[in-house]
Structures are given as structure tokens and as C-alpha cells.
Amino acid sequence: MVKRHSTAAIERTTRRPWVQWVTALDDAGAAALPHREIVGIVYDHMPLDVENRGWWAQSVAVAYEQHRSLRRPGESRDGQFQASVSKTYPGDMDAALQAWVDLVSGRDSFDGVALDGVPGTSATERWRYWRAGLADGSRVAVTIAQKSQDRSSIGIGHTKLRSPQEVDHWKAIWRELLSQL
């Protein structure tokens, strides 16, 4: 079931009641479509002045899939789960990336799950990244973006998890690490 706070944010941003999104998607046969096609339908119905239309189209599509029991919260359409947590960091993107790298340097595991190879970092004009594979087949990506002149957002996404319980478990692990920044 979709979380009420998710649909409230969708309604605020798109200025369209959740029930109207559900009706429009049901009428388009979205319950039988792959995620990518649902996103396309939503994008076509998204008001032009919505900032980050693509991101919000993804959000509406995921909420719809949860609403129609096509996926559970945290679950991707392929049946795997993903956890995500974030924190605002008091510094620019490079400082945030360096703080993360310093925090996790020397680690060969997270919560007893070994790293699968050496973590990597990369940067673009708009983003900074830290990525690592874990021995259980899951993947961790830290994505950093500038929020304002003196603040950055650090988001951790952990994919290829097997259950909602793993999502909850790893969210707690990542929140604890972020609290140390």
C-alpha cells in the first residue's frame, strides 16, 4: 500500500488529487503496463510548470504501482528491494564526498558484509558519487548534490536487497553512518 505522505507530496506538487492520478492511470490500462510505460503516461499528464517533471513522473508511477499492489514500498518491479536514506551536509559537494570517504576509508565490510572489490568515486559538474558492491550481490551508491551555496545533500541508495526486512535493517545502518558526518 502506498504511504499517505507520498501521495500528499504528489498532490501538492502536481496540483492534482491522488484519486485523479489513479483514475487516469487505470483508464490508460497502466496496471498491465511495464514501469517505463506508466512513467510515460504520467509524464504526458504532468503539468508543464512542475519542476523536475521526470522525477515526479517516476514518483507518481511508483506510488501507483504500490497502490495497485504491483510492488511493495521499497520494491522494484523485478521483485528486488532498495533502501535509501539521505542527510543534509554543511558544506559543498567536494567536502561532503571527502567527509564520506574519510568516514568509510579502511573498511572492508559494512555490517559484516564484505566489500566486493574496491569502492570507486566519480564526479560530474552537478554530482559526486561513491559506489561499492557488497559480497551478497547488493550495491551501494552514495550520491551527493549541492543544495545551496553552503549545503549538500548526501543520499545513500542500497539496491538488490531481498526483502522489506533487509530494507529496514540497512536503512538503520546507513542512517547511523550518516549521523557520524
C-alpha atoms as a PDB file:
ATOM      1  CA  MET A   1       0.000   0.000   0.000  1.00  0.00           C
ATOM      2  CA  VAL A   2       1.270   3.451  -0.870  1.00  0.00           C
ATOM      3  CA  LYS A   3       2.183   5.730   2.030  1.00  0.00           C
ATOM      4  CA  ARG A   4      -0.158   8.692   2.552  1.00  0.00           C
ATOM      5  CA  HIS A   5       2.720  11.176   2.880  1.00  0.00           C
ATOM      6  CA  SER A   6       3.900  10.149  -0.586  1.00  0.00           C
ATOM      7  CA  THR A   7       0.561  10.878  -2.203  1.00  0.00           C
ATOM      8  CA  ALA A   8       0.236  14.135  -0.262  1.00  0.00           C
ATOM      9  CA  ALA A   9       3.535  15.344  -1.722  1.00  0.00           C
ATOM     10  CA  ILE A  10       2.407  14.259  -5.193  1.00  0.00           C
ATOM     11  CA  GLU A  11      -0.867  16.159  -4.795  1.00  0.00           C
ATOM     12  CA  ARG A  12       0.919  19.306  -3.560  1.00  0.00           C
ATOM     13  CA  THR A  13       3.484  19.310  -6.340  1.00  0.00           C
ATOM     14  CA  THR A  14       1.274  18.295  -9.264  1.00  0.00           C
ATOM     15  CA  ARG A  15      -1.819  20.143  -8.008  1.00  0.00           C
ATOM     16  CA  ARG A  16      -3.821  17.040  -8.892  1.00  0.00           C
ATOM     17  CA  PRO A  17      -5.670  14.881  -6.324  1.00  0.00           C
ATOM     18  CA  TRP A  18      -4.295  11.360  -5.946  1.00  0.00           C
ATOM     19  CA  VAL A  19      -7.638   9.835  -6.919  1.00  0.00           C
ATOM     20  CA  GLN A  20      -7.398  11.646 -10.284  1.00  0.00           C
ATOM     21  CA  TRP A  21      -3.937  10.160 -10.908  1.00  0.00           C
ATOM     22  CA  VAL A  22      -5.272   6.688 -10.106  1.00  0.00           C
ATOM     23  CA  THR A  23      -8.292   7.147 -12.376  1.00  0.00           C
ATOM     24  CA  ALA A  24      -6.183   8.457 -15.273  1.00  0.00           C
ATOM     25  CA  LEU A  25      -3.724   5.584 -14.962  1.00  0.00           C
ATOM     26  CA  ASP A  26      -6.458   2.968 -14.567  1.00  0.00           C
ATOM     27  CA  ASP A  27      -8.221   4.362 -17.647  1.00  0.00           C
ATOM     28  CA  ALA A  28      -4.933   4.044 -19.588  1.00  0.00           C
ATOM     29  CA  GLY A  29      -4.565   0.390 -18.541  1.00  0.00           C
ATOM     30  CA  ALA A  30      -1.427   1.150 -16.528  1.00  0.00           C
ATOM     31  CA  ALA A  31      -1.868  -1.780 -14.143  1.00  0.00           C
ATOM     32  CA  ALA A  32      -0.898  -4.112 -17.000  1.00  0.00           C
ATOM     33  CA  LEU A  33       1.996  -1.996 -18.301  1.00  0.00           C
ATOM     34  CA  PRO A  34       5.706  -2.040 -17.513  1.00  0.00           C
ATOM     35  CA  HIS A  35       7.020   0.734 -15.263  1.00  0.00           C
ATOM     36  CA  ARG A  36       8.642   2.665 -18.123  1.00  0.00           C
ATOM     37  CA  GLU A  37       5.326   2.981 -19.946  1.00  0.00           C
ATOM     38  CA  ILE A  38       3.492   4.075 -16.796  1.00  0.00           C
ATOM     39  CA  VAL A  39       6.088   6.819 -16.330  1.00  0.00           C
ATOM     40  CA  GLY A  40       5.458   7.952 -19.908  1.00  0.00           C
ATOM     41  CA  ILE A  41       1.710   8.217 -19.305  1.00  0.00           C
ATOM     42  CA  VAL A  42       2.271  10.180 -16.106  1.00  0.00           C
ATOM     43  CA  TYR A  43       4.782  12.471 -17.793  1.00  0.00           C
ATOM     44  CA  ASP A  44       2.249  13.246 -20.534  1.00  0.00           C
ATOM     45  CA  HIS A  45      -0.302  14.227 -17.853  1.00  0.00           C
ATOM     46  CA  MET A  46       2.161  16.197 -15.710  1.00  0.00           C
ATOM     47  CA  PRO A  47       1.643  19.977 -15.650  1.00  0.00           C
ATOM     48  CA  LEU A  48       4.368  21.667 -17.701  1.00  0.00           C
ATOM     49  CA  ASP A  49       5.389  24.008 -14.899  1.00  0.00           C
ATOM     50  CA  VAL A  50       6.205  21.224 -12.401  1.00  0.00           C
ATOM     51  CA  GLU A  51       9.889  21.407 -11.566  1.00  0.00           C
ATOM     52  CA  ASN A  52      11.726  18.086 -12.080  1.00  0.00           C
ATOM     53  CA  ARG A  53       8.841  16.619 -14.106  1.00  0.00           C
ATOM     54  CA  GLY A  54      10.727  13.386 -14.789  1.00  0.00           C
ATOM     55  CA  TRP A  55      11.422  12.756 -11.116  1.00  0.00           C
ATOM     56  CA  TRP A  56       7.797  13.432 -10.202  1.00  0.00           C
ATOM     57  CA  ALA A  57       6.591  11.199 -13.030  1.00  0.00           C
ATOM     58  CA  GLN A  58       8.695   8.388 -11.543  1.00  0.00           C
ATOM     59  CA  SER A  59       7.242   9.123  -8.089  1.00  0.00           C
ATOM     60  CA  VAL A  60       3.648   9.003  -9.330  1.00  0.00           C
ATOM     61  CA  ALA A  61       4.316   5.775 -11.250  1.00  0.00           C
ATOM     62  CA  VAL A  62       5.875   4.059  -8.215  1.00  0.00           C
ATOM     63  CA  ALA A  63       3.070   5.239  -5.927  1.00  0.00           C
ATOM     64  CA  TYR A  64       0.508   3.948  -8.430  1.00  0.00           C
ATOM     65  CA  GLU A  65       2.261   0.563  -8.632  1.00  0.00           C
ATOM     66  CA  GLN A  66       2.200   0.361  -4.829  1.00  0.00           C
ATOM     67  CA  HIS A  67      -1.446   1.469  -4.760  1.00  0.00           C
ATOM     68  CA  ARG A  68      -2.381  -1.323  -7.194  1.00  0.00           C
ATOM     69  CA  SER A  69      -0.211  -3.867  -5.296  1.00  0.00           C
ATOM     70  CA  LEU A  70       2.134  -4.252  -8.251  1.00  0.00           C
ATOM     71  CA  ARG A  71       5.024  -3.603  -5.879  1.00  0.00           C
ATOM     72  CA  ARG A  72       5.552  -3.080  -2.161  1.00  0.00           C
ATOM     73  CA  PRO A  73       7.261   0.014  -0.726  1.00  0.00           C
ATOM     74  CA  GLY A  74      10.975  -0.313  -1.422  1.00  0.00           C
ATOM     75  CA  GLU A  75      10.421  -2.978  -4.084  1.00  0.00           C
ATOM     76  CA  SER A  76      11.356  -2.613  -7.726  1.00  0.00           C
ATOM     77  CA  ARG A  77       9.244  -4.219 -10.452  1.00  0.00           C
ATOM     78  CA  ASP A  78      11.795  -7.045 -10.740  1.00  0.00           C
ATOM     79  CA  GLY A  79      10.996  -8.134  -7.167  1.00  0.00           C
ATOM     80  CA  GLN A  80      14.156  -6.800  -5.573  1.00  0.00           C
ATOM     81  CA  PHE A  81      14.158  -4.163  -2.855  1.00  0.00           C
ATOM     82  CA  GLN A  82      16.090  -0.973  -2.346  1.00  0.00           C
ATOM     83  CA  ALA A  83      16.752   1.212   0.655  1.00  0.00           C
ATOM     84  CA  SER A  84      17.516   4.900   0.588  1.00  0.00           C
ATOM     85  CA  VAL A  85      18.379   7.469   3.219  1.00  0.00           C
ATOM     86  CA  SER A  86      19.707  10.996   2.994  1.00  0.00           C
ATOM     87  CA  LYS A  87      21.161  13.801   5.017  1.00  0.00           C
ATOM     88  CA  THR A  88      21.958  17.459   4.511  1.00  0.00           C
ATOM     89  CA  TYR A  89      25.655  18.151   4.958  1.00  0.00           C
ATOM     90  CA  PRO A  90      27.011  21.593   5.956  1.00  0.00           C
ATOM     91  CA  GLY A  91      29.484  22.020   3.112  1.00  0.00           C
ATOM     92  CA  ASP A  92      29.906  21.853  -0.632  1.00  0.00           C
ATOM     93  CA  MET A  93      29.776  18.634  -2.676  1.00  0.00           C
ATOM     94  CA  ASP A  94      33.524  18.060  -2.608  1.00  0.00           C
ATOM     95  CA  ALA A  95      33.672  18.496   1.167  1.00  0.00           C
ATOM     96  CA  ALA A  96      30.717  16.131   1.575  1.00  0.00           C
ATOM     97  CA  LEU A  97      32.340  13.481  -0.629  1.00  0.00           C
ATOM     98  CA  GLN A  98      35.618  13.817   1.248  1.00  0.00           C
ATOM     99  CA  ALA A  99      33.825  13.526   4.601  1.00  0.00           C
ATOM    100  CA  TRP A 100      32.115  10.317   3.403  1.00  0.00           C
ATOM    101  CA  VAL A 101      35.351   8.851   2.021  1.00  0.00           C
ATOM    102  CA  ASP A 102      37.148   9.675   5.281  1.00  0.00           C
ATOM    103  CA  LEU A 103      34.350   8.071   7.303  1.00  0.00           C
ATOM    104  CA  VAL A 104      34.399   4.769   5.400  1.00  0.00           C
ATOM    105  CA  SER A 105      38.070   4.545   4.421  1.00  0.00           C
ATOM    106  CA  GLY A 106      39.781   1.430   5.679  1.00  0.00           C
ATOM    107  CA  ARG A 107      36.533  -0.513   5.879  1.00  0.00           C
ATOM    108  CA  ASP A 108      36.404  -3.886   4.205  1.00  0.00           C
ATOM    109  CA  SER A 109      32.768  -4.521   5.136  1.00  0.00           C
ATOM    110  CA  PHE A 110      29.503  -2.949   6.220  1.00  0.00           C
ATOM    111  CA  ASP A 111      27.592  -4.703   8.999  1.00  0.00           C
ATOM    112  CA  GLY A 112      29.671  -7.820   8.419  1.00  0.00           C
ATOM    113  CA  VAL A 113      29.043  -7.970   4.654  1.00  0.00           C
ATOM    114  CA  ALA A 114      32.353  -7.741   2.831  1.00  0.00           C
ATOM    115  CA  LEU A 115      33.028  -5.284   0.050  1.00  0.00           C
ATOM    116  CA  ASP A 116      33.190  -6.877  -3.380  1.00  0.00           C
ATOM    117  CA  GLY A 117      36.150  -5.011  -4.841  1.00  0.00           C
ATOM    118  CA  VAL A 118      37.385  -1.508  -4.214  1.00  0.00           C
ATOM    119  CA  PRO A 119      34.798   1.288  -3.923  1.00  0.00           C
ATOM    120  CA  GLY A 120      35.020   3.965  -6.592  1.00  0.00           C
ATOM    121  CA  THR A 121      34.352   7.666  -6.735  1.00  0.00           C
ATOM    122  CA  SER A 122      33.445   9.893  -9.636  1.00  0.00           C
ATOM    123  CA  ALA A 123      32.277  13.424 -10.238  1.00  0.00           C
ATOM    124  CA  THR A 124      30.308  15.471 -12.714  1.00  0.00           C
ATOM    125  CA  GLU A 125      29.559  19.166 -12.673  1.00  0.00           C
ATOM    126  CA  ARG A 126      26.309  18.524 -10.773  1.00  0.00           C
ATOM    127  CA  TRP A 127      27.028  15.366  -8.779  1.00  0.00           C
ATOM    128  CA  ARG A 128      29.625  13.480  -6.737  1.00  0.00           C
ATOM    129  CA  TYR A 129      29.462   9.698  -6.357  1.00  0.00           C
ATOM    130  CA  TRP A 130      30.854   6.879  -4.242  1.00  0.00           C
ATOM    131  CA  ARG A 131      29.894   3.342  -5.282  1.00  0.00           C
ATOM    132  CA  ALA A 132      30.593  -0.116  -3.954  1.00  0.00           C
ATOM    133  CA  GLY A 133      29.444  -3.673  -4.448  1.00  0.00           C
ATOM    134  CA  LEU A 134      28.939  -5.976  -1.485  1.00  0.00           C
ATOM    135  CA  ALA A 135      29.696  -9.686  -1.370  1.00  0.00           C
ATOM    136  CA  ASP A 136      25.985 -10.531  -1.032  1.00  0.00           C
ATOM    137  CA  GLY A 137      25.387  -9.128  -4.534  1.00  0.00           C
ATOM    138  CA  SER A 138      23.842  -5.862  -3.369  1.00  0.00           C
ATOM    139  CA  ARG A 139      25.140  -2.453  -4.452  1.00  0.00           C
ATOM    140  CA  VAL A 140      25.589   0.805  -2.553  1.00  0.00           C
ATOM    141  CA  ALA A 141      25.688   4.221  -4.210  1.00  0.00           C
ATOM    142  CA  VAL A 142      26.276   7.479  -2.384  1.00  0.00           C
ATOM    143  CA  THR A 143      25.099  10.428  -4.454  1.00  0.00           C
ATOM    144  CA  ILE A 144      25.913  13.988  -3.460  1.00  0.00           C
ATOM    145  CA  ALA A 145      24.286  17.126  -4.848  1.00  0.00           C
ATOM    146  CA  GLN A 146      24.625  20.815  -3.989  1.00  0.00           C
ATOM    147  CA  LYS A 147      21.513  22.087  -2.157  1.00  0.00           C
ATOM    148  CA  SER A 148      22.634  25.666  -1.593  1.00  0.00           C
ATOM    149  CA  GLN A 149      25.901  27.557  -1.520  1.00  0.00           C
ATOM    150  CA  ASP A 150      26.891  26.050   1.834  1.00  0.00           C
ATOM    151  CA  ARG A 151      24.896  22.803   2.000  1.00  0.00           C
ATOM    152  CA  SER A 152      24.898  19.500   0.154  1.00  0.00           C
ATOM    153  CA  SER A 153      22.580  16.524   0.105  1.00  0.00           C
ATOM    154  CA  ILE A 154      24.118  13.100   0.669  1.00  0.00           C
ATOM    155  CA  GLY A 155      21.889  10.226  -0.401  1.00  0.00           C
ATOM    156  CA  ILE A 156      22.653   6.562   0.048  1.00  0.00           C
ATOM    157  CA  GLY A 157      20.894   4.061  -2.181  1.00  0.00           C
ATOM    158  CA  HIS A 158      21.291   0.351  -1.458  1.00  0.00           C
ATOM    159  CA  THR A 159      19.903  -1.859  -4.232  1.00  0.00           C
ATOM    160  CA  LYS A 160      19.398  -5.574  -4.892  1.00  0.00           C
ATOM    161  CA  LEU A 161      18.087  -6.310  -1.407  1.00  0.00           C
ATOM    162  CA  ARG A 162      15.901  -9.373  -0.942  1.00  0.00           C
ATOM    163  CA  SER A 163      13.148  -8.312   1.478  1.00  0.00           C
ATOM    164  CA  PRO A 164      11.432  -5.444   3.279  1.00  0.00           C
ATOM    165  CA  GLN A 165      13.238  -6.600   6.420  1.00  0.00           C
ATOM    166  CA  GLU A 166      16.598  -6.088   4.707  1.00  0.00           C
ATOM    167  CA  VAL A 167      15.450  -2.620   3.652  1.00  0.00           C
ATOM    168  CA  ASP A 168      14.661  -1.706   7.265  1.00  0.00           C
ATOM    169  CA  HIS A 169      17.907  -3.257   8.502  1.00  0.00           C
ATOM    170  CA  TRP A 170      20.112  -1.408   6.014  1.00  0.00           C
ATOM    171  CA  LYS A 171      18.298   1.900   6.434  1.00  0.00           C
ATOM    172  CA  ALA A 172      19.236   1.788  10.113  1.00  0.00           C
ATOM    173  CA  ILE A 173      22.878   1.012   9.239  1.00  0.00           C
ATOM    174  CA  TRP A 174      23.119   3.854   6.712  1.00  0.00           C
ATOM    175  CA  ARG A 175      21.337   6.357   8.977  1.00  0.00           C
ATOM    176  CA  GLU A 176      23.806   5.571  11.739  1.00  0.00           C
ATOM    177  CA  LEU A 177      26.754   6.147   9.406  1.00  0.00           C
ATOM    178  CA  LEU A 178      25.281   9.405   8.086  1.00  0.00           C
ATOM    179  CA  SER A 179      24.767  10.612  11.649  1.00  0.00           C
ATOM    180  CA  GLN A 180      28.557  10.460  12.081  1.00  0.00           C
ATOM    181  CA  LEU A 181      29.126  13.087   9.388  1.00  0.00           C
END
